[in-house]
Amino acid sequence: MNTWNNITSSRAGKRAMSTVDEFKTFILRGNVVDLAVGIVIGAAFGGLVQALVKDMITPLIPAPSKSGLSGFAPTIPVIGTQLFIGDFINTIISFLILALVIFFFVVKPVNALMARYKPKDAGPATTRECPFCLSTVPIKATRCAYCTSQLPPAEEPAAAART
C-alpha cells in the first residue's frame, strides 16, 4: 500500500499517458507519414527500375552469353570466390536510370515550382527615408516634402534601403 501512496508512483500513469499523447502527435504529423510513404514508394520504384534494367535493357546489350550482362564472362577470382562484373554493370545501369528519372521527374519540377513562387527582386531602390521625420521621399530629393529638412546626399542605389 505504501507504494501507491508514493507521489512518484501516483504520477507515473499521467506521465505515461502524456508520453503516449506526444507520440501520437508525432506519428500523426504530416511529415512523418509523408516520409514513410515516400520510403515505401521509393523502394517499390527501385524494384521497378531493377526489373526494367534486368528484363528490357540488359538483353539489348550484346554479351557473349544468353543471360546478358549478368552472366558476362569476365569474372575475377578472389580468395575462393568470384567477382561478377556483369551483375555490377547491371546495378550501375539501374542506378543511372533511377537517378535520371528522379532528376527529371522530381527535382526539375520541384525546382521549377519553387522558382515560380519565389519572391521577385524589387530592383534598385527608388525611395529612401528622411532621417528627421522618417517619411518616404524619392531617392534624388534634396529636401523632405513633409518636414522640409535638408537631406544628406543620396547614397549609391545598391547601398540604399530597399522599400
N, C-alpha and C. Protein backbone atom coordinates (compact mmCIF):
# COMPACT_ATOMS: atom_id res chain seq x y z
N MET A 1 0.80 -1.19 0.00
CA MET A 1 0.00 0.00 0.00
C MET A 1 0.85 1.26 0.00
N ASN A 2 1.99 1.18 0.65
CA ASN A 2 2.86 2.34 0.70
C ASN A 2 3.30 2.76 -0.70
N THR A 3 3.43 1.81 -1.60
CA THR A 3 3.86 2.12 -2.97
C THR A 3 2.85 3.01 -3.66
N TRP A 4 1.58 2.76 -3.48
CA TRP A 4 0.53 3.55 -4.14
C TRP A 4 0.42 4.95 -3.57
N ASN A 5 0.85 5.14 -2.36
CA ASN A 5 0.78 6.46 -1.75
C ASN A 5 2.00 7.32 -2.09
N ASN A 6 3.01 6.72 -2.70
CA ASN A 6 4.21 7.43 -3.07
C ASN A 6 3.87 8.42 -4.20
N ILE A 7 4.32 9.65 -4.09
CA ILE A 7 3.99 10.70 -5.07
C ILE A 7 4.54 10.35 -6.45
N THR A 8 5.75 9.80 -6.52
CA THR A 8 6.35 9.44 -7.81
C THR A 8 5.54 8.37 -8.51
N SER A 9 5.10 7.37 -7.78
CA SER A 9 4.32 6.29 -8.37
C SER A 9 2.95 6.76 -8.81
N SER A 10 2.34 7.63 -8.05
CA SER A 10 0.98 8.05 -8.37
C SER A 10 0.93 8.90 -9.64
N ARG A 11 2.01 9.55 -10.01
CA ARG A 11 2.03 10.37 -11.22
C ARG A 11 2.53 9.61 -12.44
N ALA A 12 2.94 8.37 -12.27
CA ALA A 12 3.51 7.60 -13.38
C ALA A 12 2.50 7.39 -14.49
N GLY A 13 1.25 7.15 -14.13
CA GLY A 13 0.22 6.94 -15.14
C GLY A 13 -0.01 8.18 -15.97
N LYS A 14 -0.03 9.34 -15.34
CA LYS A 14 -0.23 10.60 -16.07
C LYS A 14 0.94 10.87 -17.01
N ARG A 15 2.17 10.59 -16.53
CA ARG A 15 3.34 10.79 -17.39
C ARG A 15 3.32 9.84 -18.56
N ALA A 16 2.93 8.61 -18.32
CA ALA A 16 2.87 7.62 -19.40
C ALA A 16 1.84 8.04 -20.44
N MET A 17 0.70 8.54 -20.00
CA MET A 17 -0.34 8.96 -20.95
C MET A 17 0.10 10.19 -21.72
N SER A 18 0.82 11.12 -21.06
CA SER A 18 1.28 12.30 -21.78
C SER A 18 2.33 11.89 -22.82
N THR A 19 3.16 10.91 -22.51
CA THR A 19 4.14 10.41 -23.47
C THR A 19 3.44 9.76 -24.64
N VAL A 20 2.40 8.98 -24.38
CA VAL A 20 1.64 8.34 -25.45
C VAL A 20 0.98 9.41 -26.32
N ASP A 21 0.44 10.46 -25.69
CA ASP A 21 -0.16 11.54 -26.46
C ASP A 21 0.87 12.26 -27.33
N GLU A 22 2.05 12.49 -26.78
CA GLU A 22 3.12 13.12 -27.56
C GLU A 22 3.51 12.25 -28.74
N PHE A 23 3.63 10.94 -28.49
CA PHE A 23 4.00 10.02 -29.56
C PHE A 23 2.93 10.01 -30.64
N LYS A 24 1.65 10.01 -30.25
CA LYS A 24 0.56 10.03 -31.21
C LYS A 24 0.61 11.31 -32.05
N THR A 25 0.89 12.43 -31.42
CA THR A 25 1.01 13.70 -32.14
C THR A 25 2.17 13.65 -33.12
N PHE A 26 3.29 13.06 -32.69
CA PHE A 26 4.46 12.94 -33.55
C PHE A 26 4.16 12.06 -34.76
N ILE A 27 3.54 10.92 -34.54
CA ILE A 27 3.26 9.98 -35.64
C ILE A 27 2.24 10.55 -36.61
N LEU A 28 1.24 11.25 -36.11
CA LEU A 28 0.19 11.75 -36.98
C LEU A 28 0.54 13.08 -37.63
N ARG A 29 1.73 13.59 -37.35
CA ARG A 29 2.18 14.81 -38.02
C ARG A 29 2.39 14.48 -39.49
N GLY A 30 2.11 15.38 -40.38
CA GLY A 30 2.19 15.12 -41.82
C GLY A 30 3.56 14.71 -42.29
N ASN A 31 4.62 15.27 -41.72
CA ASN A 31 5.97 14.98 -42.20
C ASN A 31 6.33 13.51 -42.04
N VAL A 32 5.98 12.92 -40.91
CA VAL A 32 6.36 11.53 -40.65
C VAL A 32 5.62 10.60 -41.61
N VAL A 33 4.34 10.83 -41.78
CA VAL A 33 3.56 9.99 -42.67
C VAL A 33 4.05 10.15 -44.11
N ASP A 34 4.31 11.38 -44.53
CA ASP A 34 4.82 11.61 -45.89
C ASP A 34 6.16 10.93 -46.10
N LEU A 35 7.02 10.99 -45.11
CA LEU A 35 8.33 10.35 -45.22
C LEU A 35 8.18 8.84 -45.33
N ALA A 36 7.31 8.26 -44.52
CA ALA A 36 7.09 6.81 -44.58
C ALA A 36 6.55 6.39 -45.94
N VAL A 37 5.58 7.13 -46.44
CA VAL A 37 5.02 6.81 -47.77
C VAL A 37 6.10 6.96 -48.83
N GLY A 38 6.92 8.00 -48.73
CA GLY A 38 7.98 8.21 -49.71
C GLY A 38 9.00 7.07 -49.71
N ILE A 39 9.34 6.56 -48.54
CA ILE A 39 10.30 5.46 -48.47
C ILE A 39 9.71 4.19 -49.09
N VAL A 40 8.46 3.90 -48.78
CA VAL A 40 7.82 2.70 -49.34
C VAL A 40 7.71 2.82 -50.86
N ILE A 41 7.26 3.96 -51.34
CA ILE A 41 7.14 4.16 -52.79
C ILE A 41 8.52 4.11 -53.45
N GLY A 42 9.52 4.70 -52.79
CA GLY A 42 10.88 4.67 -53.34
C GLY A 42 11.42 3.25 -53.45
N ALA A 43 11.17 2.42 -52.45
CA ALA A 43 11.63 1.03 -52.51
C ALA A 43 10.93 0.28 -53.64
N ALA A 44 9.62 0.51 -53.79
CA ALA A 44 8.88 -0.15 -54.87
C ALA A 44 9.38 0.34 -56.23
N PHE A 45 9.66 1.64 -56.33
CA PHE A 45 10.15 2.20 -57.59
C PHE A 45 11.53 1.64 -57.91
N GLY A 46 12.38 1.47 -56.88
CA GLY A 46 13.70 0.86 -57.10
C GLY A 46 13.58 -0.54 -57.66
N GLY A 47 12.64 -1.33 -57.15
CA GLY A 47 12.41 -2.68 -57.69
C GLY A 47 11.94 -2.62 -59.12
N LEU A 48 11.09 -1.64 -59.43
CA LEU A 48 10.61 -1.47 -60.80
C LEU A 48 11.76 -1.15 -61.75
N VAL A 49 12.65 -0.27 -61.34
CA VAL A 49 13.80 0.08 -62.18
C VAL A 49 14.73 -1.11 -62.34
N GLN A 50 14.94 -1.87 -61.27
CA GLN A 50 15.78 -3.07 -61.37
C GLN A 50 15.21 -4.04 -62.40
N ALA A 51 13.90 -4.25 -62.36
CA ALA A 51 13.26 -5.15 -63.32
C ALA A 51 13.38 -4.61 -64.74
N LEU A 52 13.22 -3.31 -64.90
CA LEU A 52 13.35 -2.70 -66.23
C LEU A 52 14.73 -2.94 -66.80
N VAL A 53 15.76 -2.72 -65.99
CA VAL A 53 17.13 -2.90 -66.47
C VAL A 53 17.41 -4.37 -66.75
N LYS A 54 17.02 -5.24 -65.83
CA LYS A 54 17.33 -6.66 -65.97
C LYS A 54 16.57 -7.30 -67.13
N ASP A 55 15.29 -6.95 -67.30
CA ASP A 55 14.46 -7.65 -68.29
C ASP A 55 14.40 -6.96 -69.64
N MET A 56 14.64 -5.64 -69.72
CA MET A 56 14.44 -4.96 -71.00
C MET A 56 15.70 -4.30 -71.55
N ILE A 57 16.54 -3.75 -70.71
CA ILE A 57 17.71 -3.02 -71.22
C ILE A 57 18.92 -3.93 -71.36
N THR A 58 19.17 -4.77 -70.36
CA THR A 58 20.33 -5.66 -70.41
C THR A 58 20.29 -6.61 -71.61
N PRO A 59 19.15 -7.20 -71.96
CA PRO A 59 19.16 -8.07 -73.14
C PRO A 59 19.50 -7.34 -74.44
N LEU A 60 19.33 -6.04 -74.49
CA LEU A 60 19.66 -5.29 -75.70
C LEU A 60 21.16 -5.08 -75.86
N ILE A 61 21.92 -5.21 -74.78
CA ILE A 61 23.38 -5.02 -74.82
C ILE A 61 24.00 -6.35 -75.21
N PRO A 62 24.77 -6.35 -76.31
CA PRO A 62 25.36 -7.62 -76.75
C PRO A 62 26.37 -8.13 -75.73
N ALA A 63 26.19 -9.37 -75.32
CA ALA A 63 27.12 -10.01 -74.39
C ALA A 63 27.38 -11.42 -74.90
N PRO A 64 28.49 -12.01 -74.52
CA PRO A 64 28.85 -13.33 -75.04
C PRO A 64 27.89 -14.44 -74.58
N SER A 65 27.14 -14.26 -73.51
CA SER A 65 26.26 -15.33 -73.04
C SER A 65 24.80 -14.93 -73.23
N LYS A 66 23.89 -15.92 -73.08
CA LYS A 66 22.46 -15.65 -73.26
C LYS A 66 21.85 -14.87 -72.10
N SER A 67 22.46 -14.90 -70.94
CA SER A 67 21.88 -14.24 -69.78
C SER A 67 22.20 -12.75 -69.73
N GLY A 68 22.73 -12.20 -70.80
CA GLY A 68 23.03 -10.78 -70.85
C GLY A 68 24.25 -10.44 -70.01
N LEU A 69 24.23 -9.28 -69.41
CA LEU A 69 25.39 -8.83 -68.65
C LEU A 69 25.58 -9.59 -67.35
N SER A 70 24.51 -10.17 -66.80
CA SER A 70 24.66 -10.89 -65.53
C SER A 70 25.61 -12.06 -65.66
N GLY A 71 25.59 -12.71 -66.79
CA GLY A 71 26.49 -13.85 -66.99
C GLY A 71 27.70 -13.48 -67.81
N PHE A 72 28.04 -12.20 -67.84
CA PHE A 72 29.17 -11.72 -68.62
C PHE A 72 30.42 -12.48 -68.20
N ALA A 73 31.15 -12.98 -69.18
CA ALA A 73 32.26 -13.90 -68.94
C ALA A 73 33.33 -13.42 -67.97
N PRO A 74 33.84 -12.19 -68.08
CA PRO A 74 34.95 -11.87 -67.19
C PRO A 74 34.54 -11.80 -65.72
N THR A 75 34.90 -12.83 -65.01
CA THR A 75 34.75 -12.83 -63.56
C THR A 75 36.15 -12.81 -62.99
N ILE A 76 36.29 -12.18 -61.86
CA ILE A 76 37.61 -12.06 -61.25
C ILE A 76 37.65 -12.98 -60.03
N PRO A 77 38.50 -14.02 -60.07
CA PRO A 77 38.60 -14.89 -58.90
C PRO A 77 39.34 -14.18 -57.76
N VAL A 78 38.72 -14.21 -56.58
CA VAL A 78 39.32 -13.58 -55.41
C VAL A 78 39.14 -14.50 -54.21
N ILE A 79 40.20 -15.00 -53.67
CA ILE A 79 40.25 -15.81 -52.45
C ILE A 79 39.04 -16.73 -52.31
N GLY A 80 38.90 -17.67 -53.19
CA GLY A 80 37.85 -18.67 -53.07
C GLY A 80 36.48 -18.25 -53.57
N THR A 81 36.35 -17.07 -54.12
CA THR A 81 35.06 -16.62 -54.66
C THR A 81 35.32 -15.86 -55.96
N GLN A 82 34.26 -15.37 -56.57
CA GLN A 82 34.41 -14.63 -57.83
C GLN A 82 33.65 -13.31 -57.75
N LEU A 83 34.20 -12.32 -58.40
CA LEU A 83 33.52 -11.04 -58.54
C LEU A 83 32.83 -11.03 -59.90
N PHE A 84 31.53 -10.79 -59.91
CA PHE A 84 30.76 -10.82 -61.15
C PHE A 84 30.66 -9.42 -61.73
N ILE A 85 31.39 -9.17 -62.79
CA ILE A 85 31.45 -7.86 -63.41
C ILE A 85 30.12 -7.50 -64.07
N GLY A 86 29.49 -8.46 -64.75
CA GLY A 86 28.24 -8.20 -65.46
C GLY A 86 27.12 -7.77 -64.52
N ASP A 87 27.03 -8.41 -63.37
CA ASP A 87 26.00 -8.05 -62.40
C ASP A 87 26.24 -6.64 -61.86
N PHE A 88 27.51 -6.29 -61.69
CA PHE A 88 27.85 -4.95 -61.24
C PHE A 88 27.47 -3.91 -62.29
N ILE A 89 27.69 -4.22 -63.56
CA ILE A 89 27.31 -3.30 -64.64
C ILE A 89 25.79 -3.13 -64.66
N ASN A 90 25.01 -4.21 -64.43
CA ASN A 90 23.55 -4.11 -64.32
C ASN A 90 23.15 -3.13 -63.21
N THR A 91 23.82 -3.23 -62.08
CA THR A 91 23.50 -2.36 -60.95
C THR A 91 23.82 -0.91 -61.27
N ILE A 92 24.92 -0.67 -61.96
CA ILE A 92 25.29 0.70 -62.35
C ILE A 92 24.24 1.27 -63.30
N ILE A 93 23.81 0.48 -64.28
CA ILE A 93 22.78 0.94 -65.22
C ILE A 93 21.48 1.24 -64.47
N SER A 94 21.11 0.38 -63.54
CA SER A 94 19.89 0.62 -62.74
C SER A 94 19.99 1.92 -61.97
N PHE A 95 21.14 2.16 -61.34
CA PHE A 95 21.34 3.39 -60.57
C PHE A 95 21.24 4.62 -61.46
N LEU A 96 21.87 4.58 -62.63
CA LEU A 96 21.84 5.73 -63.53
C LEU A 96 20.43 6.02 -64.02
N ILE A 97 19.68 4.97 -64.34
CA ILE A 97 18.29 5.18 -64.78
C ILE A 97 17.47 5.77 -63.64
N LEU A 98 17.62 5.23 -62.44
CA LEU A 98 16.89 5.74 -61.29
C LEU A 98 17.25 7.20 -61.02
N ALA A 99 18.54 7.54 -61.10
CA ALA A 99 18.97 8.91 -60.87
C ALA A 99 18.40 9.85 -61.92
N LEU A 100 18.40 9.42 -63.19
CA LEU A 100 17.83 10.26 -64.25
C LEU A 100 16.34 10.47 -64.07
N VAL A 101 15.62 9.42 -63.74
CA VAL A 101 14.18 9.54 -63.54
C VAL A 101 13.88 10.47 -62.38
N ILE A 102 14.59 10.31 -61.27
CA ILE A 102 14.37 11.17 -60.10
C ILE A 102 14.70 12.62 -60.45
N PHE A 103 15.79 12.82 -61.21
CA PHE A 103 16.17 14.18 -61.57
C PHE A 103 15.11 14.85 -62.45
N PHE A 104 14.68 14.14 -63.51
CA PHE A 104 13.77 14.76 -64.46
C PHE A 104 12.32 14.79 -64.00
N PHE A 105 11.91 13.85 -63.15
CA PHE A 105 10.51 13.81 -62.76
C PHE A 105 10.24 14.30 -61.34
N VAL A 106 11.30 14.54 -60.56
CA VAL A 106 11.11 15.06 -59.21
C VAL A 106 11.86 16.37 -59.02
N VAL A 107 13.17 16.37 -59.22
CA VAL A 107 14.00 17.54 -58.90
C VAL A 107 13.67 18.71 -59.82
N LYS A 108 13.66 18.49 -61.13
CA LYS A 108 13.38 19.59 -62.07
C LYS A 108 12.00 20.20 -61.85
N PRO A 109 10.91 19.41 -61.73
CA PRO A 109 9.60 20.04 -61.49
C PRO A 109 9.54 20.79 -60.16
N VAL A 110 10.15 20.26 -59.11
CA VAL A 110 10.13 20.96 -57.82
C VAL A 110 10.91 22.27 -57.92
N ASN A 111 12.06 22.25 -58.60
CA ASN A 111 12.83 23.49 -58.77
C ASN A 111 12.04 24.52 -59.58
N ALA A 112 11.34 24.07 -60.63
CA ALA A 112 10.53 24.99 -61.42
C ALA A 112 9.39 25.57 -60.58
N LEU A 113 8.78 24.74 -59.76
CA LEU A 113 7.69 25.20 -58.90
C LEU A 113 8.20 26.19 -57.87
N MET A 114 9.34 25.93 -57.28
CA MET A 114 9.91 26.83 -56.29
C MET A 114 10.31 28.16 -56.95
N ALA A 115 10.83 28.12 -58.16
CA ALA A 115 11.21 29.35 -58.86
C ALA A 115 9.98 30.19 -59.19
N ARG A 116 8.86 29.53 -59.48
CA ARG A 116 7.63 30.26 -59.82
C ARG A 116 7.11 31.05 -58.62
N TYR A 117 7.22 30.46 -57.43
CA TYR A 117 6.66 31.10 -56.25
C TYR A 117 7.68 31.87 -55.43
N LYS A 118 8.93 31.91 -55.89
CA LYS A 118 9.96 32.65 -55.18
C LYS A 118 9.72 34.14 -55.37
N PRO A 119 9.85 34.95 -54.32
CA PRO A 119 9.62 36.38 -54.47
C PRO A 119 10.63 37.00 -55.44
N LYS A 120 10.15 37.88 -56.26
CA LYS A 120 11.00 38.55 -57.24
C LYS A 120 11.80 39.66 -56.57
N ASP A 121 12.98 39.95 -57.12
CA ASP A 121 13.82 41.03 -56.62
C ASP A 121 13.16 42.35 -57.01
N ALA A 122 13.10 43.28 -56.09
CA ALA A 122 12.43 44.55 -56.31
C ALA A 122 13.21 45.48 -57.23
N GLY A 123 14.46 45.19 -57.48
CA GLY A 123 15.28 46.07 -58.30
C GLY A 123 15.89 47.17 -57.45
N PRO A 124 16.49 48.14 -58.10
CA PRO A 124 17.13 49.23 -57.33
C PRO A 124 16.07 50.08 -56.61
N ALA A 125 16.47 50.58 -55.46
CA ALA A 125 15.56 51.38 -54.64
C ALA A 125 15.28 52.72 -55.33
N THR A 126 14.04 53.17 -55.25
CA THR A 126 13.66 54.45 -55.83
C THR A 126 13.32 55.47 -54.74
N THR A 127 13.22 55.01 -53.50
CA THR A 127 12.90 55.92 -52.39
C THR A 127 13.85 55.66 -51.23
N ARG A 128 13.85 56.60 -50.30
CA ARG A 128 14.62 56.46 -49.05
C ARG A 128 13.84 57.15 -47.94
N GLU A 129 14.27 56.95 -46.71
CA GLU A 129 13.58 57.56 -45.58
C GLU A 129 14.28 58.86 -45.18
N CYS A 130 13.47 59.81 -44.81
CA CYS A 130 14.00 61.07 -44.27
C CYS A 130 14.54 60.77 -42.87
N PRO A 131 15.78 61.14 -42.56
CA PRO A 131 16.33 60.83 -41.24
C PRO A 131 15.69 61.64 -40.11
N PHE A 132 14.96 62.69 -40.45
CA PHE A 132 14.36 63.55 -39.43
C PHE A 132 12.93 63.14 -39.09
N CYS A 133 12.08 62.96 -40.11
CA CYS A 133 10.68 62.63 -39.84
C CYS A 133 10.32 61.20 -40.22
N LEU A 134 11.27 60.46 -40.79
CA LEU A 134 11.11 59.06 -41.17
C LEU A 134 10.02 58.82 -42.21
N SER A 135 9.70 59.83 -42.99
CA SER A 135 8.75 59.62 -44.09
C SER A 135 9.53 59.20 -45.33
N THR A 136 8.84 58.66 -46.30
CA THR A 136 9.48 58.16 -47.51
C THR A 136 9.53 59.27 -48.55
N VAL A 137 10.74 59.49 -49.10
CA VAL A 137 10.94 60.53 -50.12
C VAL A 137 11.69 59.91 -51.30
N PRO A 138 11.59 60.51 -52.49
CA PRO A 138 12.36 59.99 -53.63
C PRO A 138 13.85 60.01 -53.33
N ILE A 139 14.57 59.10 -53.93
CA ILE A 139 15.99 58.94 -53.62
C ILE A 139 16.82 60.15 -54.03
N LYS A 140 16.41 60.88 -55.08
CA LYS A 140 17.17 62.03 -55.56
C LYS A 140 16.76 63.34 -54.88
N ALA A 141 15.80 63.29 -53.97
CA ALA A 141 15.33 64.51 -53.31
C ALA A 141 16.42 65.10 -52.43
N THR A 142 16.48 66.45 -52.41
CA THR A 142 17.44 67.14 -51.55
C THR A 142 16.76 67.71 -50.30
N ARG A 143 15.42 67.84 -50.35
CA ARG A 143 14.63 68.29 -49.19
C ARG A 143 13.47 67.34 -49.01
N CYS A 144 13.09 67.14 -47.75
CA CYS A 144 11.95 66.28 -47.43
C CYS A 144 10.66 67.04 -47.75
N ALA A 145 9.72 66.40 -48.43
CA ALA A 145 8.46 67.03 -48.79
C ALA A 145 7.55 67.20 -47.58
N TYR A 146 7.81 66.49 -46.50
CA TYR A 146 6.93 66.54 -45.34
C TYR A 146 7.43 67.49 -44.26
N CYS A 147 8.72 67.43 -43.94
CA CYS A 147 9.24 68.29 -42.87
C CYS A 147 10.15 69.39 -43.41
N THR A 148 10.40 69.43 -44.69
CA THR A 148 11.23 70.41 -45.42
C THR A 148 12.67 70.49 -44.91
N SER A 149 13.14 69.43 -44.27
CA SER A 149 14.53 69.41 -43.80
C SER A 149 15.46 69.15 -44.98
N GLN A 150 16.66 69.70 -44.87
CA GLN A 150 17.69 69.45 -45.87
C GLN A 150 18.16 68.00 -45.69
N LEU A 151 18.13 67.22 -46.78
CA LEU A 151 18.52 65.80 -46.71
C LEU A 151 19.99 65.65 -47.06
N PRO A 152 20.66 64.68 -46.44
CA PRO A 152 22.05 64.41 -46.82
C PRO A 152 22.08 63.86 -48.24
N PRO A 153 23.22 63.93 -48.92
CA PRO A 153 23.30 63.42 -50.29
C PRO A 153 22.89 61.94 -50.33
N ALA A 154 22.28 61.56 -51.46
CA ALA A 154 21.81 60.18 -51.63
C ALA A 154 23.00 59.23 -51.75
N GLU A 155 22.88 58.08 -51.14
CA GLU A 155 23.92 57.07 -51.25
C GLU A 155 23.76 56.35 -52.58
N GLU A 156 24.68 55.44 -52.85
CA GLU A 156 24.58 54.63 -54.07
C GLU A 156 23.28 53.81 -53.99
N PRO A 157 22.60 53.58 -55.11
CA PRO A 157 21.34 52.84 -55.08
C PRO A 157 21.47 51.45 -54.47
N ALA A 158 22.61 50.78 -54.64
CA ALA A 158 22.76 49.44 -54.09
C ALA A 158 22.85 49.49 -52.57
N ALA A 159 23.41 50.55 -52.03
CA ALA A 159 23.56 50.65 -50.58
C ALA A 159 22.33 51.23 -49.92
N ALA A 160 21.45 51.86 -50.67
CA ALA A 160 20.25 52.47 -50.09
C ALA A 160 19.29 51.39 -49.62
N ALA A 161 18.48 51.76 -48.65
CA ALA A 161 17.50 50.80 -48.15
C ALA A 161 16.43 50.57 -49.19
N ARG A 162 16.07 49.30 -49.38
CA ARG A 162 15.04 48.96 -50.37
C ARG A 162 13.67 49.04 -49.71
N THR A 163 12.74 49.65 -50.43
CA THR A 163 11.40 49.74 -49.89
C THR A 163 10.40 49.20 -50.86
